[in-house]
């Protein structure tokens, strides 16, 4: 659940051709004094302070279905992509370009829209729908198996790729339901089911006005479907995702009163305290293995790093056959009464597989060139925080007015890495069921604050809006989205 990690996707741009930036949420706090590679290794190598072993029953979070790990990763890839910062070098956030928009606008799925990125769209739908594989079990791919999606990182692992696919199906079904008159747009209006006197676009002598009427119709279908999808997604970020992963009182305070410490202003940015520390709370929630469907269980990485991708035995990214497609009822409470898997608790430890990543999982790594410390996600996170001069966890806690964890609670002495502090705070204050007050404050303020600064979000454009695809009680959850998308196996 992070993208400030030096991806090689240098060609990516935000939808309007511009790019965002990173900044600081607490610009007046000094950076924690760097302690270097050896200290990071003591925390992050296998057998170190943050080695949590495999996923055991006592590590499971009964309040967090396992699918939220990958919903959270999708959100992250919607907001941040840093391709310039380097481990081991000082990086000033204001000089780093964010190649995603600082908005919850799903640009990692929609790209820059059908006009600029037509390869992401289905031509048979007049580019109102997104492309997917012919059998519907996978993302659309090139002949070289490259996924046709707005951000290649969403094919980094199979579970994220399949969640991305579910959102594509959600959009496509919204298009069908809008055109069928079975649902309204976000403002309660019904669209015409067919364009006016649709002519063949290749036919000579067709009046330009007639062609434009047809083009405008399909543009309207796409834009209204996109708005519905984005607003329901944003609603889920605030009302389900944040309410599960953060302290509910903090979320409700930010939702009602707005951020206290994050002020995106007229030029929104992504705070590095969020991108390189607080939002990396998702890493401890990753299980070592998942039941994907009734017949397939996969580890996140193969036991043998040189294992071939085919036949599939693990959850690396790449092509997905129908027999390996995700049954989301194993990840979310989609089917009443059916058991689903839970994420790991938010603890100051990660499953061991994340401390010894295969080369394929590390951006920019080359075969045979991955030194062991760099193979640890923990070591990478800690060195990244030092390169960005993040403040200590204790200083941030004092700044937001929260009681500071003691050395005994932190199980270490001196100023600690902000990321470690936030994880330890969740472990100590909530038993790892959700973020503590400092982590909750940063995550909730950034996600809600970015929506409040976005003229196209429901919170800015229509604060009274409620999900139009909600059930009769007004509820709309990720499970409802998956059912509407037809992304649940029978």
Protein backbone atom coordinates (compact mmCIF):
# COMPACT_ATOMS: atom_id res chain seq x y z
CA UNK A 1 0.00 0.00 0.00
CA UNK A 2 2.52 2.53 -1.16
CA UNK A 3 3.78 4.04 -4.34
CA UNK A 4 6.56 6.36 -3.19
CA UNK A 5 8.98 3.59 -4.05
CA UNK A 6 10.79 4.50 -7.24
CA UNK A 7 8.66 2.87 -9.92
CA UNK A 8 10.00 2.80 -13.45
CA UNK A 9 6.70 3.95 -15.00
CA UNK A 10 8.14 7.22 -16.21
CA UNK A 11 5.67 7.70 -19.05
CA UNK A 12 2.67 8.17 -16.77
CA UNK A 13 1.01 11.56 -16.53
CA UNK A 14 -2.08 12.89 -14.85
CA UNK A 15 -5.24 13.14 -16.98
CA UNK A 16 -4.84 16.82 -17.87
CA UNK A 17 -1.19 16.33 -18.87
CA UNK A 18 0.11 17.99 -15.71
CA UNK A 19 1.45 16.44 -12.55
CA UNK A 20 1.06 16.99 -8.86
CA UNK A 21 3.65 17.33 -6.16
CA UNK A 22 4.56 16.13 -2.71
CA UNK A 23 4.85 18.37 0.31
CA UNK A 24 4.89 18.36 4.10
CA UNK A 25 1.95 18.17 6.46
CA UNK A 26 4.13 19.38 9.35
CA UNK A 27 6.65 21.66 7.61
CA UNK A 28 7.97 23.17 10.84
CA UNK A 29 8.89 19.89 12.52
CA UNK A 30 12.56 18.91 12.19
CA UNK A 31 13.46 15.69 10.46
CA UNK A 32 14.36 12.76 12.69
CA UNK A 33 18.12 12.40 12.95
CA UNK A 34 19.08 9.66 10.45
CA UNK A 35 20.40 6.44 11.97
CA UNK A 36 21.40 4.76 8.69
CA UNK A 37 21.34 1.33 7.17
CA UNK A 38 22.47 -0.69 10.20
CA UNK A 39 19.60 0.58 12.36
CA UNK A 40 17.12 -0.06 9.54
CA UNK A 41 18.48 -3.61 9.19
CA UNK A 42 17.98 -4.23 12.93
CA UNK A 43 14.30 -3.40 12.44
CA UNK A 44 13.71 -4.88 9.03
CA UNK A 45 15.76 -7.95 8.14
CA UNK A 46 14.36 -11.46 8.70
CA UNK A 47 14.68 -12.14 12.41
CA UNK A 48 14.69 -8.42 13.21
CA UNK A 49 12.38 -6.35 15.38
CA UNK A 50 9.62 -6.17 12.73
CA UNK A 51 9.63 -9.80 11.59
CA UNK A 52 6.12 -11.09 12.31
CA UNK A 53 6.58 -14.61 10.92
CA UNK A 54 3.74 -16.18 8.94
CA UNK A 55 0.07 -15.27 9.28
CA UNK A 56 -1.32 -16.92 12.41
CA UNK A 57 -4.84 -16.90 13.83
CA UNK A 58 -3.93 -14.48 16.62
CA UNK A 59 -2.64 -11.97 14.04
CA UNK A 60 -5.94 -11.86 12.14
CA UNK A 61 -8.13 -8.75 12.43
CA UNK A 62 -11.76 -9.83 12.91
CA UNK A 63 -12.90 -6.31 12.00
CA UNK A 64 -11.06 -6.01 8.68
CA UNK A 65 -11.92 -8.34 5.76
CA UNK A 66 -8.78 -9.17 3.81
CA UNK A 67 -9.97 -7.46 0.62
CA UNK A 68 -9.52 -4.04 2.20
CA UNK A 69 -5.73 -4.45 1.92
CA UNK A 70 -6.12 -4.32 -1.87
CA UNK A 71 -8.84 -1.68 -1.88
CA UNK A 72 -6.34 0.40 0.08
CA UNK A 73 -3.59 -0.32 -2.43
CA UNK A 74 -5.87 0.78 -5.27
CA UNK A 75 -6.51 4.07 -3.40
CA UNK A 76 -2.78 4.59 -2.99
CA UNK A 77 -2.12 4.05 -6.70
CA UNK A 78 -4.92 6.52 -7.40
CA UNK A 79 -3.06 9.24 -5.49
CA UNK A 80 0.69 8.79 -5.65
CA UNK A 81 3.43 7.81 -8.06
CA UNK A 82 6.97 9.01 -7.39
CA UNK A 83 9.51 7.94 -10.01
CA UNK A 84 12.36 10.23 -9.02
CA UNK A 85 13.28 9.85 -5.35
CA UNK A 86 16.19 7.56 -4.51
CA UNK A 87 17.05 5.52 -1.44
CA UNK A 88 20.17 6.72 0.32
CA UNK A 89 19.84 10.27 -1.03
CA UNK A 90 18.24 13.34 0.49
CA UNK A 91 14.99 14.16 -1.30
CA UNK A 92 13.07 17.41 -0.77
CA UNK A 93 9.35 16.64 -1.23
CA UNK A 94 8.61 19.85 -3.10
CA UNK A 95 11.09 18.86 -5.79
CA UNK A 96 9.45 15.47 -6.40
CA UNK A 97 6.79 15.10 -9.07
CA UNK A 98 3.66 13.06 -8.35
CA UNK A 99 2.63 11.39 -11.60
CA UNK A 100 -0.86 10.74 -10.31
CA UNK A 101 -3.42 13.46 -9.66
CA UNK A 102 -3.87 14.42 -5.99
CA UNK A 103 -7.54 13.46 -6.33
CA UNK A 104 -9.61 10.36 -5.72
CA UNK A 105 -10.60 10.34 -9.40
CA UNK A 106 -9.55 6.77 -10.34
CA UNK A 107 -7.08 7.99 -12.94
CA UNK A 108 -5.19 4.72 -12.41
CA UNK A 109 -8.22 3.07 -14.07
CA UNK A 110 -9.58 5.71 -16.45
CA UNK A 111 -6.21 7.05 -17.56
CA UNK A 112 -6.72 10.34 -19.37
CA UNK A 113 -10.07 9.24 -20.78
CA UNK A 114 -11.11 7.61 -24.07
CA UNK A 115 -9.95 10.49 -26.27
CA UNK A 116 -6.35 10.40 -25.02
CA UNK A 117 -6.10 6.71 -24.02
CA UNK A 118 -8.47 4.86 -26.38
CA UNK A 119 -6.55 1.59 -25.87
CA UNK A 120 -8.08 1.36 -22.37
CA UNK A 121 -11.61 1.35 -23.78
CA UNK A 122 -13.91 -1.04 -25.63
CA UNK A 123 -14.45 0.25 -29.19
CA UNK A 124 -17.67 -1.78 -29.59
CA UNK A 125 -19.25 0.35 -26.84
CA UNK A 126 -18.26 3.60 -28.59
CA UNK A 127 -15.57 3.80 -25.87
CA UNK A 128 -18.13 4.21 -23.09
CA UNK A 129 -16.89 1.01 -21.43
CA UNK A 130 -13.44 -0.08 -20.30
CA UNK A 131 -11.73 -3.02 -21.97
CA UNK A 132 -11.34 -6.42 -20.30
CA UNK A 133 -10.39 -9.92 -21.42
CA UNK A 134 -12.82 -11.77 -23.73
CA UNK A 135 -13.67 -14.30 -20.99
CA UNK A 136 -14.08 -11.58 -18.36
CA UNK A 137 -11.65 -13.29 -15.99
CA UNK A 138 -8.72 -10.94 -16.54
CA UNK A 139 -7.68 -7.47 -17.56
CA UNK A 140 -7.35 -6.73 -21.27
CA UNK A 141 -3.78 -7.42 -22.36
CA UNK A 142 -1.49 -6.95 -25.33
CA UNK A 143 -0.07 -9.92 -27.23
CA UNK A 144 2.91 -9.64 -24.84
CA UNK A 145 0.55 -9.95 -21.82
CA UNK A 146 0.97 -6.32 -20.76
CA UNK A 147 -2.18 -5.17 -18.96
CA UNK A 148 -4.12 -2.37 -20.69
CA UNK A 149 -4.76 -0.26 -17.61
CA UNK A 150 -4.13 3.32 -16.52
CA UNK A 151 -1.31 2.41 -14.11
CA UNK A 152 0.86 -0.68 -14.69
CA UNK A 153 1.46 -1.00 -10.93
CA UNK A 154 -2.10 -2.31 -10.62
CA UNK A 155 -0.83 -5.53 -12.21
CA UNK A 156 1.91 -5.89 -9.58
CA UNK A 157 -0.02 -8.60 -7.75
CA UNK A 158 -2.99 -10.70 -8.77
CA UNK A 159 -5.34 -9.57 -6.01
CA UNK A 160 -4.93 -5.89 -6.84
CA UNK A 161 -5.30 -6.64 -10.56
CA UNK A 162 -8.50 -8.56 -9.92
CA UNK A 163 -9.88 -5.74 -7.75
CA UNK A 164 -9.08 -3.33 -10.58
CA UNK A 165 -10.98 -5.71 -12.88
CA UNK A 166 -13.97 -5.66 -10.53
CA UNK A 167 -14.03 -1.86 -10.70
CA UNK A 168 -13.91 -2.05 -14.51
CA UNK A 169 -16.93 -4.36 -14.40
CA UNK A 170 -18.65 -1.95 -12.03
CA UNK A 171 -18.17 0.91 -14.50
CA UNK A 172 -19.32 -1.21 -17.45
CA UNK A 173 -22.48 -2.32 -15.68
CA UNK A 174 -23.23 1.26 -14.68
CA UNK A 175 -23.07 2.15 -18.38
CA UNK A 176 -25.51 -0.66 -19.24
CA UNK A 177 -27.91 0.27 -16.43
CA UNK A 178 -27.83 3.97 -17.33
CA UNK A 179 -28.58 3.24 -20.98
CA UNK A 180 -31.27 0.78 -20.00
CA UNK A 181 -33.01 3.41 -17.89
CA UNK A 182 -32.82 1.17 -14.82
CA UNK A 183 -30.77 3.67 -12.82
CA UNK A 184 -30.43 7.45 -12.90
CA UNK A 185 -27.36 9.62 -13.10
CA UNK A 186 -25.92 11.15 -9.92
CA UNK A 187 -28.54 13.91 -10.01
CA UNK A 188 -31.58 11.67 -10.46
CA UNK A 189 -31.99 12.11 -14.23
CA UNK A 190 -32.51 9.27 -16.70
CA UNK A 191 -30.53 9.13 -19.93
CA UNK A 192 -31.98 8.38 -23.33
CA UNK A 193 -31.46 4.67 -24.06
CA UNK A 194 -30.29 5.27 -27.65
CA UNK A 195 -28.54 8.11 -29.47
CA UNK A 196 -30.63 10.22 -31.86
CA UNK A 197 -30.83 8.57 -35.32
CA UNK A 198 -27.43 6.94 -35.07
CA UNK A 199 -25.75 6.94 -38.51
CA UNK A 200 -22.79 4.84 -39.65
CA UNK A 201 -19.77 7.03 -38.97
CA UNK A 202 -18.16 5.95 -42.27
CA UNK A 203 -21.18 6.83 -44.43
CA UNK A 204 -20.48 9.67 -46.89
CA UNK A 205 -22.78 12.63 -46.88
CA UNK A 206 -23.94 12.32 -43.26
CA UNK A 207 -24.51 15.83 -41.88
CA UNK A 208 -21.86 16.88 -39.37
CA UNK A 209 -24.53 17.96 -36.88
CA UNK A 210 -25.97 14.45 -36.87
CA UNK A 211 -22.57 12.94 -36.20
CA UNK A 212 -21.97 15.42 -33.38
CA UNK A 213 -25.32 14.57 -31.78
CA UNK A 214 -24.31 10.92 -31.66
CA UNK A 215 -20.84 11.74 -30.34
CA UNK A 216 -22.31 13.99 -27.65
CA UNK A 217 -24.68 11.21 -26.60
CA UNK A 218 -21.87 8.73 -26.01
CA UNK A 219 -19.75 11.37 -24.31
CA UNK A 220 -22.64 12.00 -21.94
CA UNK A 221 -23.08 8.29 -21.24
CA UNK A 222 -19.39 7.95 -20.38
CA UNK A 223 -19.11 11.11 -18.28
CA UNK A 224 -22.26 10.35 -16.25
CA UNK A 225 -21.22 6.74 -15.68
CA UNK A 226 -17.77 7.90 -14.64
CA UNK A 227 -19.25 10.42 -12.19
CA UNK A 228 -21.46 7.73 -10.63
CA UNK A 229 -18.54 5.34 -10.28
CA UNK A 230 -16.21 7.96 -8.83
CA UNK A 231 -18.74 9.27 -6.33
CA UNK A 232 -19.67 5.79 -5.08
CA UNK A 233 -15.97 4.98 -4.79
CA UNK A 234 -15.30 8.20 -2.85
CA UNK A 235 -18.24 7.42 -0.58
CA UNK A 236 -16.73 4.02 0.19
CA UNK A 237 -13.35 5.59 0.98
CA UNK A 238 -14.93 7.81 3.64
CA UNK A 239 -17.77 5.70 4.97
CA UNK A 240 -16.38 2.17 4.87
CA UNK A 241 -12.62 2.10 4.27
CA UNK A 242 -11.71 4.88 6.71
CA UNK A 243 -14.31 3.78 9.24
CA UNK A 244 -12.69 0.33 9.31
CA UNK A 245 -8.98 1.18 9.23
CA UNK A 246 -8.99 4.34 11.37
CA UNK A 247 -10.42 5.50 14.69
CA UNK A 248 -14.07 6.24 13.93
CA UNK A 249 -14.23 9.29 16.21
CA UNK A 250 -11.29 10.87 14.40
CA UNK A 251 -12.83 10.13 10.99
CA UNK A 252 -16.19 11.61 12.03
CA UNK A 253 -14.46 14.71 13.39
CA UNK A 254 -12.58 15.27 10.12
CA UNK A 255 -15.68 14.53 8.06
CA UNK A 256 -17.72 17.06 10.03
CA UNK A 257 -15.16 19.77 10.80
CA UNK A 258 -12.54 19.36 8.09
CA UNK A 259 -8.78 18.86 8.51
CA UNK A 260 -6.87 20.67 11.25
CA UNK A 261 -3.32 20.08 10.05
CA UNK A 262 -3.55 19.36 6.31
CA UNK A 263 -4.35 22.40 4.17
CA UNK A 264 -4.14 21.44 0.49
CA UNK A 265 -5.21 24.92 -0.65
CA UNK A 266 -5.68 25.75 -4.34
CA UNK A 267 -2.80 23.49 -5.40
CA UNK A 268 -3.37 20.18 -3.58
CA UNK A 269 -0.36 18.02 -2.81
CA UNK A 270 0.38 14.69 -1.15
CA UNK A 271 2.12 15.00 2.24
CA UNK A 272 5.15 12.74 2.60
CA UNK A 273 4.08 12.01 6.19
CA UNK A 274 1.09 10.30 4.56
CA UNK A 275 2.75 8.72 1.51
CA UNK A 276 5.96 7.49 3.14
CA UNK A 277 4.68 6.68 6.63
CA UNK A 278 1.03 6.78 7.73
CA UNK A 279 -0.54 5.22 4.63
CA UNK A 280 1.98 2.40 4.69
CA UNK A 281 -0.10 0.93 7.51
CA UNK A 282 -1.38 -1.48 4.86
CA UNK A 283 1.89 -3.42 4.70
CA UNK A 284 1.33 -5.26 8.01
CA UNK A 285 -2.18 -6.26 6.87
CA UNK A 286 -0.84 -8.41 4.00
CA UNK A 287 -1.33 -12.11 4.65
CA UNK A 288 1.32 -14.64 3.59
CA UNK A 289 -1.26 -16.64 1.59
CA UNK A 290 -4.89 -16.34 0.49
CA UNK A 291 -7.71 -18.62 -0.55
CA UNK A 292 -8.53 -17.08 -3.91
CA UNK A 293 -11.51 -19.26 -4.77
CA UNK A 294 -12.91 -22.64 -3.72
CA UNK A 295 -10.20 -24.49 -5.65
CA UNK A 296 -7.13 -22.24 -5.50
CA UNK A 297 -4.92 -21.10 -2.63
CA UNK A 298 -1.83 -19.04 -3.41
CA UNK A 299 1.09 -17.56 -1.49
CA UNK A 300 1.83 -13.91 -2.22
CA UNK A 301 5.28 -14.90 -3.54
CA UNK A 302 6.65 -18.29 -4.62
CA UNK A 303 8.88 -20.23 -2.24
CA UNK A 304 11.38 -20.47 -5.09
CA UNK A 305 12.10 -17.00 -6.58
CA UNK A 306 12.97 -18.68 -9.89
CA UNK A 307 9.66 -20.55 -10.08
CA UNK A 308 7.94 -20.12 -13.45
CA UNK A 309 4.79 -18.03 -13.64
CA UNK A 310 2.96 -20.88 -15.40
CA UNK A 311 1.35 -22.93 -14.03
CA UNK A 312 0.30 -20.30 -11.48
CA UNK A 313 1.01 -21.22 -7.86
CA UNK A 314 1.36 -17.78 -6.29
CA UNK A 315 -0.19 -14.33 -6.49
CA UNK A 316 2.30 -12.42 -8.59
CA UNK A 317 0.83 -10.20 -11.31
CA UNK A 318 0.30 -11.26 -14.89
CA UNK A 319 -2.32 -13.15 -16.89
CA UNK A 320 -5.14 -14.81 -14.95
CA UNK A 321 -6.95 -17.92 -16.14
CA UNK A 322 -10.64 -18.44 -15.23
CA UNK A 323 -9.72 -21.18 -12.74
CA UNK A 324 -7.59 -18.67 -10.81
CA UNK A 325 -10.04 -15.75 -10.88
CA UNK A 326 -10.82 -14.24 -7.49
CA UNK A 327 -14.06 -15.15 -5.76
CA UNK A 328 -14.56 -12.00 -3.71
CA UNK A 329 -16.79 -13.79 -1.23
CA UNK A 330 -13.51 -15.09 0.24
CA UNK A 331 -12.32 -11.49 0.79
CA UNK A 332 -15.43 -9.45 1.70
CA UNK A 333 -18.76 -10.25 3.39
CA UNK A 334 -20.47 -10.55 0.02
CA UNK A 335 -22.54 -13.67 0.68
CA UNK A 336 -24.49 -13.61 3.97
CA UNK A 337 -23.35 -16.38 6.28
CA UNK A 338 -20.29 -17.30 4.21
CA UNK A 339 -16.95 -17.02 5.98
CA UNK A 340 -14.29 -14.77 4.49
CA UNK A 341 -10.62 -14.24 5.26
CA UNK A 342 -9.43 -11.43 7.48
CA UNK A 343 -6.45 -9.15 7.02
CA UNK A 344 -3.58 -9.22 9.49
CA UNK A 345 -3.83 -6.71 12.31
CA UNK A 346 -2.05 -3.36 12.02
CA UNK A 347 1.01 -4.32 14.04
CA UNK A 348 4.60 -3.13 14.14
CA UNK A 349 5.59 -6.29 12.28
CA UNK A 350 5.13 -7.72 8.78
CA UNK A 351 4.88 -11.26 7.52
CA UNK A 352 8.34 -12.66 6.80
CA UNK A 353 7.81 -12.89 3.04
CA UNK A 354 7.80 -9.09 2.86
CA UNK A 355 11.25 -8.98 4.46
CA UNK A 356 12.85 -10.98 1.66
CA UNK A 357 11.17 -9.86 -1.56
CA UNK A 358 11.90 -11.56 -4.88
CA UNK A 359 13.56 -9.43 -7.53
CA UNK A 360 10.30 -9.20 -9.50
CA UNK A 361 8.61 -7.39 -6.60
CA UNK A 362 11.18 -4.60 -6.23
CA UNK A 363 10.92 -1.66 -8.67
CA UNK A 364 14.12 -1.09 -10.59
CA UNK A 365 15.83 -4.23 -9.33
CA UNK A 366 17.85 -6.37 -11.73
CA UNK A 367 18.41 -10.09 -11.68
CA UNK A 368 21.30 -10.99 -9.45
CA UNK A 369 21.66 -7.41 -8.17
CA UNK A 370 19.25 -7.36 -5.22
CA UNK A 371 21.21 -7.01 -2.00
CA UNK A 372 19.45 -8.52 1.00
CA UNK A 373 18.74 -5.26 2.92
CA UNK A 374 17.11 -3.75 -0.17
CA UNK A 375 14.95 -6.87 -0.48
CA UNK A 376 13.23 -6.04 2.81
CA UNK A 377 10.13 -3.86 2.51
CA UNK A 378 10.74 -2.66 6.06
CA UNK A 379 14.31 -1.56 5.34
CA UNK A 380 13.16 0.19 2.17
CA UNK A 381 10.41 2.04 4.05
CA UNK A 382 12.74 3.16 6.82
CA UNK A 383 15.47 4.35 4.47
CA UNK A 384 12.85 6.17 2.39
CA UNK A 385 11.63 8.02 5.49
CA UNK A 386 15.19 9.14 6.23
CA UNK A 387 15.75 10.27 2.64
CA UNK A 388 12.63 12.45 2.97
CA UNK A 389 13.65 13.74 6.43
CA UNK A 390 10.36 12.74 8.04
CA UNK A 391 9.89 13.91 11.63
CA UNK A 392 9.94 11.43 14.47
CA UNK A 393 6.75 9.76 15.60
CA UNK A 394 7.02 11.40 19.03
CA UNK A 395 7.28 14.90 17.51
CA UNK A 396 4.22 14.34 15.33
CA UNK A 397 2.21 13.00 18.29
CA UNK A 398 3.02 16.12 20.30
CA UNK A 399 2.12 18.33 17.33
CA UNK A 400 -1.36 16.84 16.97
CA UNK A 401 -1.93 16.89 20.73
CA UNK A 402 -1.91 13.16 21.44
CA UNK A 403 -0.28 11.33 24.35
CA UNK A 404 3.18 10.14 23.31
CA UNK A 405 3.96 6.43 23.50
CA UNK A 406 6.57 5.54 26.10
CA UNK A 407 9.85 3.78 25.35
CA UNK A 408 8.36 0.67 26.97
CA UNK A 409 5.36 0.80 24.65
CA UNK A 410 7.58 1.44 21.64
CA UNK A 411 10.01 -1.29 22.69
CA UNK A 412 12.90 0.96 21.71
CA UNK A 413 14.50 4.21 22.84
CA UNK A 414 15.01 7.62 21.30
CA UNK A 415 13.13 9.32 18.47
CA UNK A 416 11.57 6.63 16.27
CA UNK A 417 10.68 6.40 12.60
CA UNK A 418 7.22 7.88 11.99
CA UNK A 419 6.03 4.74 10.17
CA UNK A 420 7.12 2.46 13.03
CA UNK A 421 5.51 4.79 15.56
CA UNK A 422 2.17 4.75 13.73
CA UNK A 423 2.18 0.95 13.54
CA UNK A 424 3.17 0.61 17.19
CA UNK A 425 0.49 3.12 18.17
CA UNK A 426 -2.14 0.98 16.40
CA UNK A 427 -0.80 -2.11 18.16
CA UNK A 428 -0.75 -0.50 21.62
CA UNK A 429 -3.86 1.70 21.46
CA UNK A 430 -6.27 -0.57 19.56
CA UNK A 431 -4.74 -4.03 19.62
CA UNK A 432 -4.01 -3.61 15.92
CA UNK A 433 -7.70 -3.50 14.98
CA UNK A 434 -7.35 -0.01 13.52
CA UNK A 435 -4.98 2.95 13.46
CA UNK A 436 -4.37 4.93 16.61
CA UNK A 437 -5.07 8.66 16.97
CA UNK A 438 -1.95 9.95 15.20
CA UNK A 439 -2.18 7.56 12.27
CA UNK A 440 -5.93 8.08 11.99
CA UNK A 441 -5.52 11.85 11.99
CA UNK A 442 -2.99 11.85 9.14
CA UNK A 443 -4.80 9.32 6.95
CA UNK A 444 -8.29 10.75 7.45
CA UNK A 445 -7.22 14.37 7.00
CA UNK A 446 -5.40 13.66 3.74
CA UNK A 447 -8.08 11.49 2.13
CA UNK A 448 -10.99 13.72 3.16
CA UNK A 449 -9.00 16.93 2.66
CA UNK A 450 -8.15 15.99 -0.92
CA UNK A 451 -11.84 15.38 -1.65
CA UNK A 452 -12.77 18.72 -0.13
CA UNK A 453 -10.23 20.42 -2.42
CA UNK A 454 -11.47 18.62 -5.56
CA UNK A 455 -14.26 20.49 -7.42
CA UNK A 456 -15.35 17.23 -9.07
CA UNK A 457 -15.77 15.21 -5.84
CA UNK A 458 -19.16 14.62 -4.27
CA UNK A 459 -18.05 16.37 -1.05
CA UNK A 460 -17.24 19.55 -2.98
CA UNK A 461 -19.82 19.49 -5.80
CA UNK A 462 -22.81 17.97 -4.00
CA UNK A 463 -22.25 17.54 -0.23
CA UNK A 464 -25.83 16.32 0.30
CA UNK A 465 -25.41 13.50 -2.24
CA UNK A 466 -25.97 9.96 -1.08
CA UNK A 467 -25.21 6.77 -3.04
CA UNK A 468 -27.93 6.26 -5.63
CA UNK A 469 -27.07 2.55 -5.81
CA UNK A 470 -27.63 2.08 -2.08
CA UNK A 471 -29.99 -0.55 -0.68
CA UNK A 472 -33.40 0.36 0.68
CA UNK A 473 -31.80 1.31 4.00
CA UNK A 474 -29.43 3.76 2.30
CA UNK A 475 -26.37 1.56 2.76
CA UNK A 476 -23.70 1.08 0.11
CA UNK A 477 -20.62 -1.05 0.81
CA UNK A 478 -17.79 -2.64 -1.13
CA UNK A 479 -19.85 -5.83 -1.07
CA UNK A 480 -22.70 -3.97 -2.77
CA UNK A 481 -20.29 -2.66 -5.41
CA UNK A 482 -19.01 -6.17 -6.12
CA UNK A 483 -22.52 -7.57 -6.41
CA UNK A 484 -23.58 -4.76 -8.77
CA UNK A 485 -20.45 -5.39 -10.83
CA UNK A 486 -21.29 -9.08 -11.18
CA UNK A 487 -17.83 -9.79 -9.80
CA UNK A 488 -18.94 -12.52 -7.40
CA UNK A 489 -18.66 -16.13 -8.52
CA UNK A 490 -21.89 -18.12 -8.42
